[in-house]
Amino acid sequence: MSRHVAFRRQPVDQPYAQALRATTLPAPTRGINQMENEAFMQPGSCIISDNWVPTLRGVKLRGGCTRWCVLPETTPIISAFEYQSGNVQKMFAANATKVYDVTTSTPVLVKSGQASGNYVGSQLANASGDYLLALNDAGDYPLRFNGTSWVTLNATMTVWANSTAYALNATAYDASDNTHWRATSAHTSAGAGTFAAARTASPGLWVSSATDGSSFIYGPAGRLVVDGKNLTYVWKYRNRWFFIEANSMSAWYLPLNAVGGLLSEIPLSGAAFLVDILPQKAQNIILYLPMVNGVEYVREGFFGSRIVAHYDMAYMALVCTVLTLLALAEIRKTSALITPG
């Protein structure tokens, strides 16, 4: 073979147009998802989200940071929250044991001796003012801020007693009606009689409010939230505060527009799992329960497109109708056997 063969002209492949197709990846509006199989994850989720914040319509870039103030200790900050009411704007930061007001470059200690620095804050306005409530995941006593001062809502379980000296702002518990009271002046209680009788005789000595003028937060007698402790999360919905109790399947709520008072329970046992995380066969079985359909419907109302809800309202309405008709038939049958006395 000639040594010049390699330099001869050779035919080349015919050119062809590249087939390019744009693919749209939906924004991870559901945020980081660690509950689903990565190979079959629903759209709108992500595994890693560095410097991106999910919103209802997409994602936004996380803002930067700048040094604002330096605490008088080296314990790292765990959480931060803010208060806004008109022209009053406050910022607070918490480490493992303390809460600081960091509105200015000079931090001010708000609370010490706490068991956790992982706080959540929620703000609610009513006729008496604009209030911020802060809870941590250790279930310490709630902290409430009214725009000028903080108060620890330690609804005491110390039962009021006769012939006892009470200092200004001392607290006492009335076991007869599960109410909490604060002394408006230093005094010695009556030598005989009940707490209710003592309050009636001297109405100006006791008030059922904390030092900020609003009621304590307390639960029913015999429950772990009776004195306001063991609440680990708070959020506001339709001008009402809701709470999660530590290590339980119970949620609690206060009356409408109230920033204190007696807690009412919402039992969540058996209702907190998502149907969407179950295998398909398990979903088909569990949806035979009408209550599950109702919970999924309400859950979708709260979280919208952030979750995938499964429910059949026509099925639930049919079951409820049948059960109602059976109950009415039983009542009619039983009423014929009852003779009025």
Protein backbone atom coordinates (compact mmCIF):
# COMPACT_ATOMS: atom_id res chain seq x y z
CA MET A 1 0.00 0.00 0.00
CA SER A 2 1.24 3.40 -0.88
CA ARG A 3 2.27 5.54 1.99
CA HIS A 4 0.11 8.29 0.52
CA VAL A 5 -3.21 6.40 0.89
CA ALA A 6 -3.97 7.95 4.25
CA PHE A 7 -3.93 11.38 2.64
CA ARG A 8 -6.55 10.63 0.00
CA ARG A 9 -9.98 12.24 0.22
CA GLN A 10 -12.56 10.07 1.99
CA PRO A 11 -16.39 10.29 1.93
CA VAL A 12 -17.98 11.75 5.09
CA ASP A 13 -21.37 11.11 6.71
CA GLN A 14 -24.25 13.22 5.50
CA PRO A 15 -25.11 16.08 7.92
CA TYR A 16 -28.39 15.84 9.78
CA ALA A 17 -30.40 18.27 11.90
CA GLN A 18 -30.22 17.78 15.64
CA ALA A 19 -33.55 17.03 17.28
CA LEU A 20 -33.62 19.35 20.28
CA ARG A 21 -36.61 19.54 22.60
CA ALA A 22 -37.08 21.85 25.57
CA THR A 23 -38.07 20.21 28.82
CA THR A 24 -39.71 22.18 31.60
CA LEU A 25 -38.94 21.18 35.17
CA PRO A 26 -41.65 22.43 37.55
CA ALA A 27 -40.45 24.59 40.39
CA PRO A 28 -40.20 22.69 43.71
CA THR A 29 -43.09 24.51 45.35
CA ARG A 30 -43.53 21.55 47.73
CA GLY A 31 -40.01 22.10 49.06
CA ILE A 32 -37.61 19.39 50.17
CA ASN A 33 -39.29 15.98 50.24
CA GLN A 34 -37.74 13.16 52.25
CA MET A 35 -40.92 11.08 52.56
CA GLU A 36 -41.30 9.75 49.00
CA ASN A 37 -39.32 7.30 46.88
CA GLU A 38 -36.84 9.37 44.87
CA ALA A 39 -37.50 7.32 41.72
CA PHE A 40 -41.26 7.95 41.87
CA MET A 41 -41.41 11.37 43.51
CA GLN A 42 -44.37 13.57 42.62
CA PRO A 43 -43.66 16.79 40.64
CA GLY A 44 -42.98 19.92 42.61
CA SER A 45 -40.53 18.41 45.12
CA CYS A 46 -36.77 18.42 45.45
CA ILE A 47 -34.07 16.58 47.37
CA ILE A 48 -31.64 19.49 47.80
CA SER A 49 -32.53 23.18 47.79
CA ASP A 50 -29.51 25.38 48.37
CA ASN A 51 -30.35 29.08 48.67
CA TRP A 52 -33.82 28.67 47.15
CA VAL A 53 -37.07 29.27 49.03
CA PRO A 54 -40.31 27.61 47.80
CA THR A 55 -43.38 29.81 47.35
CA LEU A 56 -46.92 29.09 46.19
CA ARG A 57 -46.06 30.09 42.60
CA GLY A 58 -42.42 29.06 42.27
CA VAL A 59 -39.14 29.57 44.08
CA LYS A 60 -37.23 32.68 45.04
CA LEU A 61 -33.58 33.23 45.76
CA ARG A 62 -32.69 33.34 49.42
CA GLY A 63 -31.40 36.71 50.51
CA GLY A 64 -27.90 37.31 51.74
CA CYS A 65 -26.83 38.20 55.26
CA THR A 66 -24.95 40.87 57.13
CA ARG A 67 -23.73 41.15 60.70
CA TRP A 68 -26.28 43.09 62.70
CA CYS A 69 -25.21 42.74 66.32
CA VAL A 70 -22.95 40.57 68.46
CA LEU A 71 -24.28 38.77 71.54
CA PRO A 72 -22.30 38.90 74.78
CA GLU A 73 -21.59 35.16 74.50
CA THR A 74 -20.39 32.68 71.90
CA THR A 75 -23.36 30.27 72.05
CA PRO A 76 -24.72 30.06 68.49
CA ILE A 77 -28.13 31.39 67.53
CA ILE A 78 -30.69 28.67 66.83
CA SER A 79 -33.78 30.63 65.77
CA ALA A 80 -35.08 34.16 65.22
CA PHE A 81 -38.51 35.78 64.94
CA GLU A 82 -39.95 39.26 64.59
CA TYR A 83 -42.78 41.52 65.73
CA GLN A 84 -44.45 44.12 63.52
CA SER A 85 -47.30 46.41 64.50
CA GLY A 86 -47.63 49.76 62.79
CA ASN A 87 -44.38 51.62 63.24
CA VAL A 88 -43.18 49.20 65.92
CA GLN A 89 -40.76 46.64 64.49
CA LYS A 90 -38.82 44.29 66.73
CA MET A 91 -36.43 41.42 66.05
CA PHE A 92 -35.54 38.64 68.48
CA ALA A 93 -32.97 35.85 68.44
CA ALA A 94 -32.59 32.77 70.65
CA ASN A 95 -29.73 30.47 71.51
CA ALA A 96 -29.87 27.24 73.51
CA THR A 97 -30.90 28.90 76.80
CA LYS A 98 -31.63 32.61 76.21
CA VAL A 99 -33.75 34.96 74.14
CA TYR A 100 -32.40 38.39 73.11
CA ASP A 101 -33.95 41.52 71.67
CA VAL A 102 -31.70 42.28 68.69
CA THR A 103 -33.68 45.16 67.25
CA THR A 104 -30.64 47.39 67.62
CA SER A 105 -26.94 46.60 67.42
CA THR A 106 -26.92 46.32 71.22
CA PRO A 107 -28.67 43.08 72.26
CA VAL A 108 -30.96 43.08 75.31
CA LEU A 109 -31.64 39.90 77.30
CA VAL A 110 -35.33 38.97 77.29
CA LYS A 111 -35.41 35.53 78.90
CA SER A 112 -32.84 33.09 80.29
CA GLY A 113 -32.90 29.58 81.70
CA GLN A 114 -34.77 28.07 78.75
CA ALA A 115 -34.48 24.40 77.77
CA SER A 116 -34.31 25.01 74.00
CA GLY A 117 -33.62 27.79 71.55
CA ASN A 118 -35.70 26.42 68.69
CA TYR A 119 -38.61 28.89 68.76
CA VAL A 120 -41.65 29.57 66.65
CA GLY A 121 -43.49 32.88 66.86
CA SER A 122 -47.02 33.88 65.90
CA GLN A 123 -48.67 37.27 66.03
CA LEU A 124 -52.35 38.01 66.69
CA ALA A 125 -54.20 41.31 67.02
CA ASN A 126 -57.43 41.89 68.94
CA ALA A 127 -59.27 44.80 70.52
CA SER A 128 -56.73 45.08 73.36
CA GLY A 129 -53.57 45.16 71.25
CA ASP A 130 -51.17 43.31 68.99
CA TYR A 131 -49.48 40.29 70.60
CA LEU A 132 -46.62 37.98 69.71
CA LEU A 133 -46.49 34.48 71.23
CA ALA A 134 -43.23 32.50 71.22
CA LEU A 135 -42.93 28.78 71.98
CA ASN A 136 -39.94 26.44 71.84
CA ASP A 137 -39.81 22.72 71.10
CA ALA A 138 -38.93 21.88 74.72
CA GLY A 139 -42.37 22.98 75.92
CA ASP A 140 -41.20 25.79 78.22
CA TYR A 141 -43.77 28.30 79.46
CA PRO A 142 -45.09 30.47 76.59
CA LEU A 143 -43.60 33.93 76.16
CA ARG A 144 -45.93 36.78 75.15
CA PHE A 145 -44.96 40.21 73.86
CA ASN A 146 -47.38 43.15 73.61
CA GLY A 147 -45.12 45.57 71.76
CA THR A 148 -43.38 46.97 74.83
CA SER A 149 -42.74 44.17 77.33
CA TRP A 150 -42.49 40.39 77.61
CA VAL A 151 -44.34 38.20 80.08
CA THR A 152 -43.78 34.54 80.92
CA LEU A 153 -47.13 32.77 81.06
CA ASN A 154 -46.32 30.46 83.94
CA ALA A 155 -49.84 29.75 85.12
CA THR A 156 -48.91 28.45 88.56
CA MET A 157 -50.31 25.28 90.03
CA THR A 158 -49.74 26.54 93.59
CA VAL A 159 -53.17 26.26 95.18
CA TRP A 160 -54.43 29.31 97.05
CA ALA A 161 -54.39 28.81 100.82
CA ASN A 162 -55.81 30.57 103.86
CA SER A 163 -53.63 32.77 106.09
CA THR A 164 -50.90 32.97 103.46
CA ALA A 165 -48.84 36.05 102.58
CA TYR A 166 -48.93 36.90 98.87
CA ALA A 167 -46.55 39.40 97.29
CA LEU A 168 -47.34 41.74 94.43
CA ASN A 169 -47.86 39.78 91.18
CA ALA A 170 -47.84 36.47 93.05
CA THR A 171 -49.98 33.83 91.35
CA ALA A 172 -52.42 31.33 92.80
CA TYR A 173 -54.55 28.50 91.45
CA ASP A 174 -58.21 27.89 92.28
CA ALA A 175 -58.65 24.11 92.07
CA SER A 176 -62.44 24.39 92.40
CA ASP A 177 -62.87 25.94 88.93
CA ASN A 178 -59.42 25.47 87.35
CA THR A 179 -58.66 29.21 87.12
CA HIS A 180 -55.41 31.12 87.58
CA TRP A 181 -55.07 34.45 89.37
CA ARG A 182 -52.49 37.17 90.04
CA ALA A 183 -52.26 39.37 93.13
CA THR A 184 -52.52 43.09 92.41
CA SER A 185 -51.02 44.03 95.79
CA ALA A 186 -49.21 42.42 98.69
CA HIS A 187 -51.61 40.98 101.27
CA THR A 188 -52.37 38.05 103.55
CA SER A 189 -55.25 35.81 102.59
CA ALA A 190 -58.30 35.35 104.81
CA GLY A 191 -58.07 32.91 107.68
CA ALA A 192 -61.12 30.92 106.57
CA GLY A 193 -63.28 30.43 103.52
CA THR A 194 -62.69 29.59 99.87
CA PHE A 195 -60.65 31.41 97.27
CA ALA A 196 -63.82 32.36 95.39
CA ALA A 197 -65.28 33.88 98.58
CA ALA A 198 -62.06 35.80 99.20
CA ARG A 199 -62.14 37.25 95.66
CA THR A 200 -65.78 38.24 96.09
CA ALA A 201 -65.06 39.92 99.44
CA SER A 202 -62.01 41.79 98.06
CA PRO A 203 -62.41 41.97 94.27
CA GLY A 204 -59.48 44.30 93.80
CA LEU A 205 -56.86 41.93 95.25
CA TRP A 206 -56.86 39.36 92.44
CA VAL A 207 -57.11 39.50 88.64
CA SER A 208 -57.24 36.62 86.19
CA SER A 209 -54.54 38.06 83.96
CA ALA A 210 -50.77 38.20 83.61
CA THR A 211 -48.80 41.39 84.12
CA ASP A 212 -49.52 42.48 80.53
CA GLY A 213 -53.24 42.61 81.29
CA SER A 214 -54.27 39.52 79.28
CA SER A 215 -55.18 36.09 80.56
CA PHE A 216 -52.82 33.23 81.20
CA ILE A 217 -52.84 30.27 78.83
CA TYR A 218 -53.87 27.08 80.63
CA GLY A 219 -55.47 23.72 79.93
CA PRO A 220 -58.02 21.44 81.59
CA ALA A 221 -57.24 19.95 85.00
CA GLY A 222 -55.23 16.76 84.86
CA ARG A 223 -53.66 17.46 81.46
CA LEU A 224 -49.98 18.22 80.83
CA VAL A 225 -50.90 21.65 79.45
CA VAL A 226 -52.84 22.64 82.57
CA ASP A 227 -50.29 25.33 83.51
CA GLY A 228 -49.39 26.42 79.97
CA LYS A 229 -46.30 24.21 79.62
CA ASN A 230 -45.69 21.41 77.09
CA LEU A 231 -46.93 23.44 74.12
CA THR A 232 -44.27 23.18 71.41
CA TYR A 233 -45.77 24.88 68.35
CA VAL A 234 -48.22 27.71 67.65
CA TRP A 235 -49.84 29.07 64.52
CA LYS A 236 -52.69 31.44 63.74
CA TYR A 237 -55.69 30.58 61.56
CA ARG A 238 -58.68 32.88 61.13
CA ASN A 239 -57.64 34.96 64.13
CA ARG A 240 -57.40 32.01 66.48
CA TRP A 241 -54.24 30.49 67.97
CA PHE A 242 -53.70 26.75 67.59
CA PHE A 243 -51.07 24.69 69.44
CA ILE A 244 -49.36 21.29 69.34
CA GLU A 245 -48.77 19.46 72.61
CA ALA A 246 -45.35 17.84 73.12
CA ASN A 247 -45.07 14.06 72.64
CA SER A 248 -48.77 13.64 71.96
CA MET A 249 -51.37 13.47 69.22
CA SER A 250 -53.31 16.43 70.61
CA ALA A 251 -53.76 19.91 69.23
CA TRP A 252 -55.23 22.77 71.28
CA TYR A 253 -56.81 26.10 70.49
CA LEU A 254 -57.90 29.29 72.23
CA PRO A 255 -61.20 31.13 71.79
CA LEU A 256 -61.62 33.44 68.81
CA ASN A 257 -59.47 36.61 69.03
CA ALA A 258 -58.14 35.48 72.42
CA VAL A 259 -54.47 35.68 73.42
CA GLY A 260 -55.07 33.73 76.64
CA GLY A 261 -57.61 31.62 78.45
CA LEU A 262 -58.64 27.98 78.64
CA LEU A 263 -57.34 25.66 75.92
CA SER A 264 -59.72 23.35 74.06
CA GLU A 265 -58.49 20.06 72.61
CA ILE A 266 -58.53 18.68 69.08
CA PRO A 267 -57.59 14.96 69.23
CA LEU A 268 -55.51 14.00 66.19
CA SER A 269 -54.84 10.35 66.94
CA GLY A 270 -55.04 8.36 63.71
CA ALA A 271 -55.66 11.44 61.55
CA ALA A 272 -52.15 12.79 61.02
CA PHE A 273 -50.86 10.49 58.25
CA LEU A 274 -50.97 11.40 54.57
CA VAL A 275 -52.86 8.94 52.39
CA ASP A 276 -50.48 9.77 49.54
CA ILE A 277 -47.48 8.20 51.31
CA LEU A 278 -49.22 4.82 51.59
CA PRO A 279 -48.88 2.08 48.92
CA GLN A 280 -51.63 2.08 46.32
CA LYS A 281 -53.36 -0.98 47.77
CA ALA A 282 -53.32 0.55 51.24
CA GLN A 283 -54.77 3.79 49.84
CA ASN A 284 -57.67 1.91 48.26
CA ILE A 285 -58.45 0.20 51.58
CA ILE A 286 -58.05 3.18 53.90
CA LEU A 287 -60.30 5.37 51.73
CA TYR A 288 -63.23 3.11 52.55
CA LEU A 289 -63.30 4.96 55.89
CA PRO A 290 -65.47 8.08 55.44
CA MET A 291 -63.52 9.99 58.10
CA VAL A 292 -60.28 9.66 56.13
CA ASN A 293 -61.95 11.24 53.09
CA GLY A 294 -63.09 14.14 55.24
CA VAL A 295 -59.65 14.66 56.78
CA GLU A 296 -58.00 14.62 53.35
CA TYR A 297 -60.54 17.19 52.11
CA VAL A 298 -59.84 19.51 55.04
CA ARG A 299 -56.09 18.96 54.68
CA GLU A 300 -56.23 20.05 51.04
CA GLY A 301 -58.05 23.18 52.14
CA PHE A 302 -55.17 24.04 54.47
CA PHE A 303 -52.17 23.09 52.32
CA GLY A 304 -53.52 23.35 48.78
CA SER A 305 -51.17 22.17 46.03
CA ARG A 306 -48.37 21.47 48.51
CA ILE A 307 -49.80 18.00 49.07
CA VAL A 308 -51.59 15.40 46.98
CA ALA A 309 -54.95 14.76 48.64
CA HIS A 310 -57.11 11.67 48.03
CA TYR A 311 -60.83 11.79 48.78
CA ASP A 312 -64.26 11.05 47.35
CA MET A 313 -66.82 13.46 48.75
CA ALA A 314 -69.69 11.73 46.94
CA TYR A 315 -68.78 8.45 48.67
CA MET A 316 -68.54 10.14 52.06
CA ALA A 317 -71.90 11.89 51.56
CA LEU A 318 -73.51 8.59 50.52
CA VAL A 319 -72.21 6.75 53.58
CA CYS A 320 -73.29 9.55 55.92
CA THR A 321 -76.74 9.61 54.32
CA VAL A 322 -77.20 5.86 54.67
CA LEU A 323 -76.05 5.91 58.30
CA THR A 324 -78.36 8.84 59.05
CA LEU A 325 -81.35 7.05 57.52
CA LEU A 326 -80.57 3.88 59.49
CA ALA A 327 -80.31 5.93 62.69
CA LEU A 328 -83.64 7.67 61.99
CA ALA A 329 -85.29 4.31 61.29
CA GLU A 330 -83.97 2.94 64.58
CA ILE A 331 -85.23 6.02 66.43
CA ARG A 332 -88.68 5.57 64.88
CA LYS A 333 -88.72 1.92 65.81
CA THR A 334 -87.61 2.59 69.38
CA SER A 335 -89.98 5.54 69.90
CA ALA A 336 -92.98 3.24 69.21
CA LEU A 337 -91.96 1.14 72.21
CA ILE A 338 -91.70 4.09 74.59
CA THR A 339 -94.76 5.18 76.54
CA PRO A 340 -94.61 8.70 77.95
CA GLY A 341 -94.88 8.70 81.73
